[in-house]
Each structure stands twice: as structure tokens, then as C-alpha cells.
């Protein structure tokens, strides 16, 4: 249920909808919606259909897990290093997919106070990266970006 709940949450955030608005559209208690999104509650097919209808998303879409279904890594290590560098420095010639990843990684590695990103934007970036990458890729990107960020701060002092 965790993947379904995460996907429902992601769809709600993408639509710019609050839980309160979803409650109004579905008639489902906010505590239940919150627990469903966190993967803590089981739910009926009727509940799933109500939520999907309110979000204007097909139920099949919330069952998808793109990154988990993939067996191969997206790219080689040098490409991951280049994307991490671009996320930290804002520099680099990236493909469309690499740019997509770098933008989301940047939101995660910069604190919201410094970057101006909201908590929701950062959470959405996390979910989108988890959807686009396998765990090994995400771990490598985060580790490399952290190393680059530390080196950048060290050079300033």
C-alpha cells in the first residue's frame, strides 16, 4: 500500500491540491487520507476510486512504480557525477533527462531557507527522483552532490 499511497500523494501535490480540498471532494476523513498517503491504512476499491476521481487520475496509474520495475541503472558513473556537479554548481551541458534529474536534486540538496523552495516542492522533488531512478543511482547522486557541496564550502573559507 505504500507505493499506492505515495503515488496518490504525488498526484495530489502535482495538482496543487491540499488534503482539505481532497476531503471536500471525496467526503473521506482527512485522517484517513493522511494515513492512506503514508501507507498506514488499507482502503477499499471504492475509496481508491473516489480519490482517483477527485484527482482526475486513472486508478492504474497509482499502482505504477517506474524505478522499482527497472532492473538496469539509468547511466554510467561519470554521467551521474556530471549530473551531481550540475545540481550543485548550476553548470554543465546536460541532456533533457539529465537536466530533469539535476533540477530535482538541486531542490533536495539546498535547504529550503536558502533556496526559496517550499517543503512541498522539496517533497515532490524527492518523489519524482524516486520515481525516475533506482536506489543505487539516487544514493550515488546524493553522495557525490554532498561531496561537491562540502568542497565548494571549504574553498570559500
C-alpha atoms as a PDB file:
ATOM      1  CA  UNK A   1       0.000   0.000   0.000  1.00  0.00           C
ATOM      2  CA  UNK A   2       2.983   2.322   0.473  1.00  0.00           C
ATOM      3  CA  UNK A   3       3.605   2.800  -3.275  1.00  0.00           C
ATOM      4  CA  UNK A   4      -0.088   3.462  -3.917  1.00  0.00           C
ATOM      5  CA  UNK A   5      -0.222   5.966  -1.064  1.00  0.00           C
ATOM      6  CA  UNK A   6       2.931   7.731  -2.243  1.00  0.00           C
ATOM      7  CA  UNK A   7       1.565   7.924  -5.772  1.00  0.00           C
ATOM      8  CA  UNK A   8      -1.736   9.358  -4.532  1.00  0.00           C
ATOM      9  CA  UNK A   9       0.179  11.940  -2.508  1.00  0.00           C
ATOM     10  CA  UNK A  10       2.348  12.793  -5.513  1.00  0.00           C
ATOM     11  CA  UNK A  11      -0.694  13.236  -7.751  1.00  0.00           C
ATOM     12  CA  UNK A  12      -2.371  15.461  -5.159  1.00  0.00           C
ATOM     13  CA  UNK A  13       0.720  17.658  -4.871  1.00  0.00           C
ATOM     14  CA  UNK A  14       1.129  17.809  -8.660  1.00  0.00           C
ATOM     15  CA  UNK A  15      -2.457  19.050  -8.922  1.00  0.00           C
ATOM     16  CA  UNK A  16      -1.747  21.707  -6.288  1.00  0.00           C
ATOM     17  CA  UNK A  17      -4.457  20.290  -4.044  1.00  0.00           C
ATOM     18  CA  UNK A  18      -4.388  20.275  -0.261  1.00  0.00           C
ATOM     19  CA  UNK A  19      -5.634  17.372   1.830  1.00  0.00           C
ATOM     20  CA  UNK A  20      -8.504  19.586   2.963  1.00  0.00           C
ATOM     21  CA  UNK A  21      -9.575  20.103  -0.668  1.00  0.00           C
ATOM     22  CA  UNK A  22      -9.351  16.355  -1.285  1.00  0.00           C
ATOM     23  CA  UNK A  23     -11.522  15.756   1.787  1.00  0.00           C
ATOM     24  CA  UNK A  24     -14.131  18.170   0.404  1.00  0.00           C
ATOM     25  CA  UNK A  25     -14.130  16.451  -2.994  1.00  0.00           C
ATOM     26  CA  UNK A  26     -14.254  12.877  -1.672  1.00  0.00           C
ATOM     27  CA  UNK A  27     -16.038  13.017   1.678  1.00  0.00           C
ATOM     28  CA  UNK A  28     -13.228  10.882   3.154  1.00  0.00           C
ATOM     29  CA  UNK A  29     -11.936  11.966   6.560  1.00  0.00           C
ATOM     30  CA  UNK A  30      -8.641  13.867   6.485  1.00  0.00           C
ATOM     31  CA  UNK A  31      -7.042  11.448   8.963  1.00  0.00           C
ATOM     32  CA  UNK A  32      -7.864   8.570   6.594  1.00  0.00           C
ATOM     33  CA  UNK A  33      -6.439  10.377   3.572  1.00  0.00           C
ATOM     34  CA  UNK A  34      -3.301  11.207   5.515  1.00  0.00           C
ATOM     35  CA  UNK A  35      -2.858   7.589   6.600  1.00  0.00           C
ATOM     36  CA  UNK A  36      -3.526   6.298   3.068  1.00  0.00           C
ATOM     37  CA  UNK A  37      -0.879   8.645   1.641  1.00  0.00           C
ATOM     38  CA  UNK A  38       1.596   7.452   4.282  1.00  0.00           C
ATOM     39  CA  UNK A  39       0.809   3.800   3.536  1.00  0.00           C
ATOM     40  CA  UNK A  40      -0.547   3.245   7.044  1.00  0.00           C
ATOM     41  CA  UNK A  41      -4.171   2.447   6.138  1.00  0.00           C
ATOM     42  CA  UNK A  42      -5.710  -0.226   3.979  1.00  0.00           C
ATOM     43  CA  UNK A  43      -8.584   1.051   1.902  1.00  0.00           C
ATOM     44  CA  UNK A  44     -11.419  -0.221  -0.245  1.00  0.00           C
ATOM     45  CA  UNK A  45     -11.656  -0.066  -4.013  1.00  0.00           C
ATOM     46  CA  UNK A  46     -14.493   2.429  -3.560  1.00  0.00           C
ATOM     47  CA  UNK A  47     -12.207   4.720  -1.568  1.00  0.00           C
ATOM     48  CA  UNK A  48      -9.484   4.401  -4.203  1.00  0.00           C
ATOM     49  CA  UNK A  49     -11.954   5.306  -6.962  1.00  0.00           C
ATOM     50  CA  UNK A  50     -13.221   8.327  -5.010  1.00  0.00           C
ATOM     51  CA  UNK A  51      -9.699   9.638  -4.515  1.00  0.00           C
ATOM     52  CA  UNK A  52      -8.678   8.943  -8.117  1.00  0.00           C
ATOM     53  CA  UNK A  53     -11.814  10.660  -9.438  1.00  0.00           C
ATOM     54  CA  UNK A  54     -11.137  13.716  -7.276  1.00  0.00           C
ATOM     55  CA  UNK A  55      -7.545  13.807  -8.540  1.00  0.00           C
ATOM     56  CA  UNK A  56      -8.612  13.115 -12.137  1.00  0.00           C
ATOM     57  CA  UNK A  57      -6.173  10.201 -12.413  1.00  0.00           C
ATOM     58  CA  UNK A  58      -6.733   6.642 -13.601  1.00  0.00           C
ATOM     59  CA  UNK A  59      -6.501   4.078 -10.781  1.00  0.00           C
ATOM     60  CA  UNK A  60      -3.963   2.019 -12.758  1.00  0.00           C
ATOM     61  CA  UNK A  61      -1.530   4.952 -12.647  1.00  0.00           C
ATOM     62  CA  UNK A  62      -1.293   4.867  -8.851  1.00  0.00           C
ATOM     63  CA  UNK A  63      -0.162   1.240  -8.967  1.00  0.00           C
ATOM     64  CA  UNK A  64       2.882   2.075 -11.117  1.00  0.00           C
ATOM     65  CA  UNK A  65       6.408   2.124  -9.770  1.00  0.00           C
ATOM     66  CA  UNK A  66       8.742   3.024 -12.607  1.00  0.00           C
ATOM     67  CA  UNK A  67      12.060   2.932 -10.764  1.00  0.00           C
ATOM     68  CA  UNK A  68      11.339  -0.356  -8.995  1.00  0.00           C
ATOM     69  CA  UNK A  69      10.348  -2.036 -12.264  1.00  0.00           C
ATOM     70  CA  UNK A  70      13.654  -1.130 -13.907  1.00  0.00           C
ATOM     71  CA  UNK A  71      16.485  -3.569 -13.406  1.00  0.00           C
ATOM     72  CA  UNK A  72      19.320  -1.658 -15.093  1.00  0.00           C
ATOM     73  CA  UNK A  73      20.914   1.551 -13.987  1.00  0.00           C
ATOM     74  CA  UNK A  74      19.982   4.647 -15.947  1.00  0.00           C
ATOM     75  CA  UNK A  75      23.540   5.690 -16.788  1.00  0.00           C
ATOM     76  CA  UNK A  76      27.179   5.127 -16.032  1.00  0.00           C
ATOM     77  CA  UNK A  77      29.026   6.605 -13.077  1.00  0.00           C
ATOM     78  CA  UNK A  78      30.693   9.501 -14.989  1.00  0.00           C
ATOM     79  CA  UNK A  79      27.265  10.726 -16.125  1.00  0.00           C
ATOM     80  CA  UNK A  80      25.933  10.551 -12.567  1.00  0.00           C
ATOM     81  CA  UNK A  81      28.951  12.585 -11.435  1.00  0.00           C
ATOM     82  CA  UNK A  82      28.282  15.211 -14.142  1.00  0.00           C
ATOM     83  CA  UNK A  83      24.607  15.491 -13.118  1.00  0.00           C
ATOM     84  CA  UNK A  84      25.559  15.867  -9.437  1.00  0.00           C
ATOM     85  CA  UNK A  85      28.072  18.580 -10.354  1.00  0.00           C
ATOM     86  CA  UNK A  86      25.436  20.456 -12.371  1.00  0.00           C
ATOM     87  CA  UNK A  87      22.945  20.222  -9.495  1.00  0.00           C
ATOM     88  CA  UNK A  88      25.413  21.866  -7.116  1.00  0.00           C
ATOM     89  CA  UNK A  89      27.115  24.382  -9.400  1.00  0.00           C
ATOM     90  CA  UNK A  90      24.394  25.051 -11.967  1.00  0.00           C
ATOM     91  CA  UNK A  91      26.944  24.439 -14.692  1.00  0.00           C
ATOM     92  CA  UNK A  92      27.162  21.696 -17.277  1.00  0.00           C
ATOM     93  CA  UNK A  93      25.823  20.603 -20.635  1.00  0.00           C
ATOM     94  CA  UNK A  94      23.080  18.104 -19.855  1.00  0.00           C
ATOM     95  CA  UNK A  95      20.542  16.144 -21.861  1.00  0.00           C
ATOM     96  CA  UNK A  96      16.844  16.720 -21.169  1.00  0.00           C
ATOM     97  CA  UNK A  97      16.621  13.767 -18.742  1.00  0.00           C
ATOM     98  CA  UNK A  98      19.887  14.739 -17.024  1.00  0.00           C
ATOM     99  CA  UNK A  99      18.569  18.295 -16.587  1.00  0.00           C
ATOM    100  CA  UNK A 100      15.304  16.955 -15.147  1.00  0.00           C
ATOM    101  CA  UNK A 101      17.263  14.948 -12.570  1.00  0.00           C
ATOM    102  CA  UNK A 102      19.699  17.810 -11.786  1.00  0.00           C
ATOM    103  CA  UNK A 103      16.887  20.309 -11.111  1.00  0.00           C
ATOM    104  CA  UNK A 104      15.193  17.962  -8.646  1.00  0.00           C
ATOM    105  CA  UNK A 105      18.465  17.025  -6.993  1.00  0.00           C
ATOM    106  CA  UNK A 106      19.247  20.725  -6.518  1.00  0.00           C
ATOM    107  CA  UNK A 107      15.954  21.207  -4.650  1.00  0.00           C
ATOM    108  CA  UNK A 108      16.862  18.398  -2.280  1.00  0.00           C
ATOM    109  CA  UNK A 109      20.460  19.349  -1.525  1.00  0.00           C
ATOM    110  CA  UNK A 110      19.765  23.025  -0.901  1.00  0.00           C
ATOM    111  CA  UNK A 111      17.971  23.921   2.293  1.00  0.00           C
ATOM    112  CA  UNK A 112      14.565  25.487   1.768  1.00  0.00           C
ATOM    113  CA  UNK A 113      15.590  28.588   3.737  1.00  0.00           C
ATOM    114  CA  UNK A 114      18.489  29.283   1.373  1.00  0.00           C
ATOM    115  CA  UNK A 115      16.950  28.145  -1.901  1.00  0.00           C
ATOM    116  CA  UNK A 116      13.453  29.525  -1.512  1.00  0.00           C
ATOM    117  CA  UNK A 117      11.898  26.122  -2.239  1.00  0.00           C
ATOM    118  CA  UNK A 118       8.908  25.157  -0.158  1.00  0.00           C
ATOM    119  CA  UNK A 119       8.684  21.930   1.817  1.00  0.00           C
ATOM    120  CA  UNK A 120       6.112  20.658  -0.712  1.00  0.00           C
ATOM    121  CA  UNK A 121       8.442  21.414  -3.652  1.00  0.00           C
ATOM    122  CA  UNK A 122      11.258  19.522  -1.945  1.00  0.00           C
ATOM    123  CA  UNK A 123       8.990  16.552  -1.151  1.00  0.00           C
ATOM    124  CA  UNK A 124       7.756  16.497  -4.739  1.00  0.00           C
ATOM    125  CA  UNK A 125      11.362  16.514  -5.980  1.00  0.00           C
ATOM    126  CA  UNK A 126      12.105  13.505  -3.714  1.00  0.00           C
ATOM    127  CA  UNK A 127       9.168  11.535  -5.060  1.00  0.00           C
ATOM    128  CA  UNK A 128       9.998  12.397  -8.657  1.00  0.00           C
ATOM    129  CA  UNK A 129      13.615  11.301  -8.199  1.00  0.00           C
ATOM    130  CA  UNK A 130      12.499   8.077  -6.533  1.00  0.00           C
ATOM    131  CA  UNK A 131      10.188   7.525  -9.488  1.00  0.00           C
ATOM    132  CA  UNK A 132      12.890   8.224 -12.097  1.00  0.00           C
ATOM    133  CA  UNK A 133      15.909   6.493 -10.537  1.00  0.00           C
ATOM    134  CA  UNK A 134      16.800   3.187  -8.970  1.00  0.00           C
ATOM    135  CA  UNK A 135      18.090   3.404  -5.379  1.00  0.00           C
ATOM    136  CA  UNK A 136      21.754   2.964  -6.374  1.00  0.00           C
ATOM    137  CA  UNK A 137      21.554   5.929  -8.743  1.00  0.00           C
ATOM    138  CA  UNK A 138      19.887   8.159  -6.182  1.00  0.00           C
ATOM    139  CA  UNK A 139      22.404   7.197  -3.495  1.00  0.00           C
ATOM    140  CA  UNK A 140      25.343   7.894  -5.808  1.00  0.00           C
ATOM    141  CA  UNK A 141      23.920  11.261  -6.858  1.00  0.00           C
ATOM    142  CA  UNK A 142      23.281  12.347  -3.268  1.00  0.00           C
ATOM    143  CA  UNK A 143      26.733  11.248  -2.100  1.00  0.00           C
ATOM    144  CA  UNK A 144      28.504  12.998  -4.972  1.00  0.00           C
ATOM    145  CA  UNK A 145      26.438  16.178  -4.620  1.00  0.00           C
ATOM    146  CA  UNK A 146      27.225  16.249  -0.895  1.00  0.00           C
ATOM    147  CA  UNK A 147      30.967  15.884  -1.610  1.00  0.00           C
ATOM    148  CA  UNK A 148      30.858  18.690  -4.179  1.00  0.00           C
ATOM    149  CA  UNK A 149      28.876  20.943  -1.832  1.00  0.00           C
ATOM    150  CA  UNK A 150      31.385  20.378   1.010  1.00  0.00           C
ATOM    151  CA  UNK A 151      34.341  21.076  -1.291  1.00  0.00           C
ATOM    152  CA  UNK A 152      32.631  24.242  -2.519  1.00  0.00           C
ATOM    153  CA  UNK A 153      32.103  25.490   1.055  1.00  0.00           C
ATOM    154  CA  UNK A 154      35.674  24.585   2.024  1.00  0.00           C
ATOM    155  CA  UNK A 155      37.071  26.631  -0.919  1.00  0.00           C
ATOM    156  CA  UNK A 156      35.091  29.678   0.234  1.00  0.00           C
ATOM    157  CA  UNK A 157      36.768  29.663   3.661  1.00  0.00           C
END
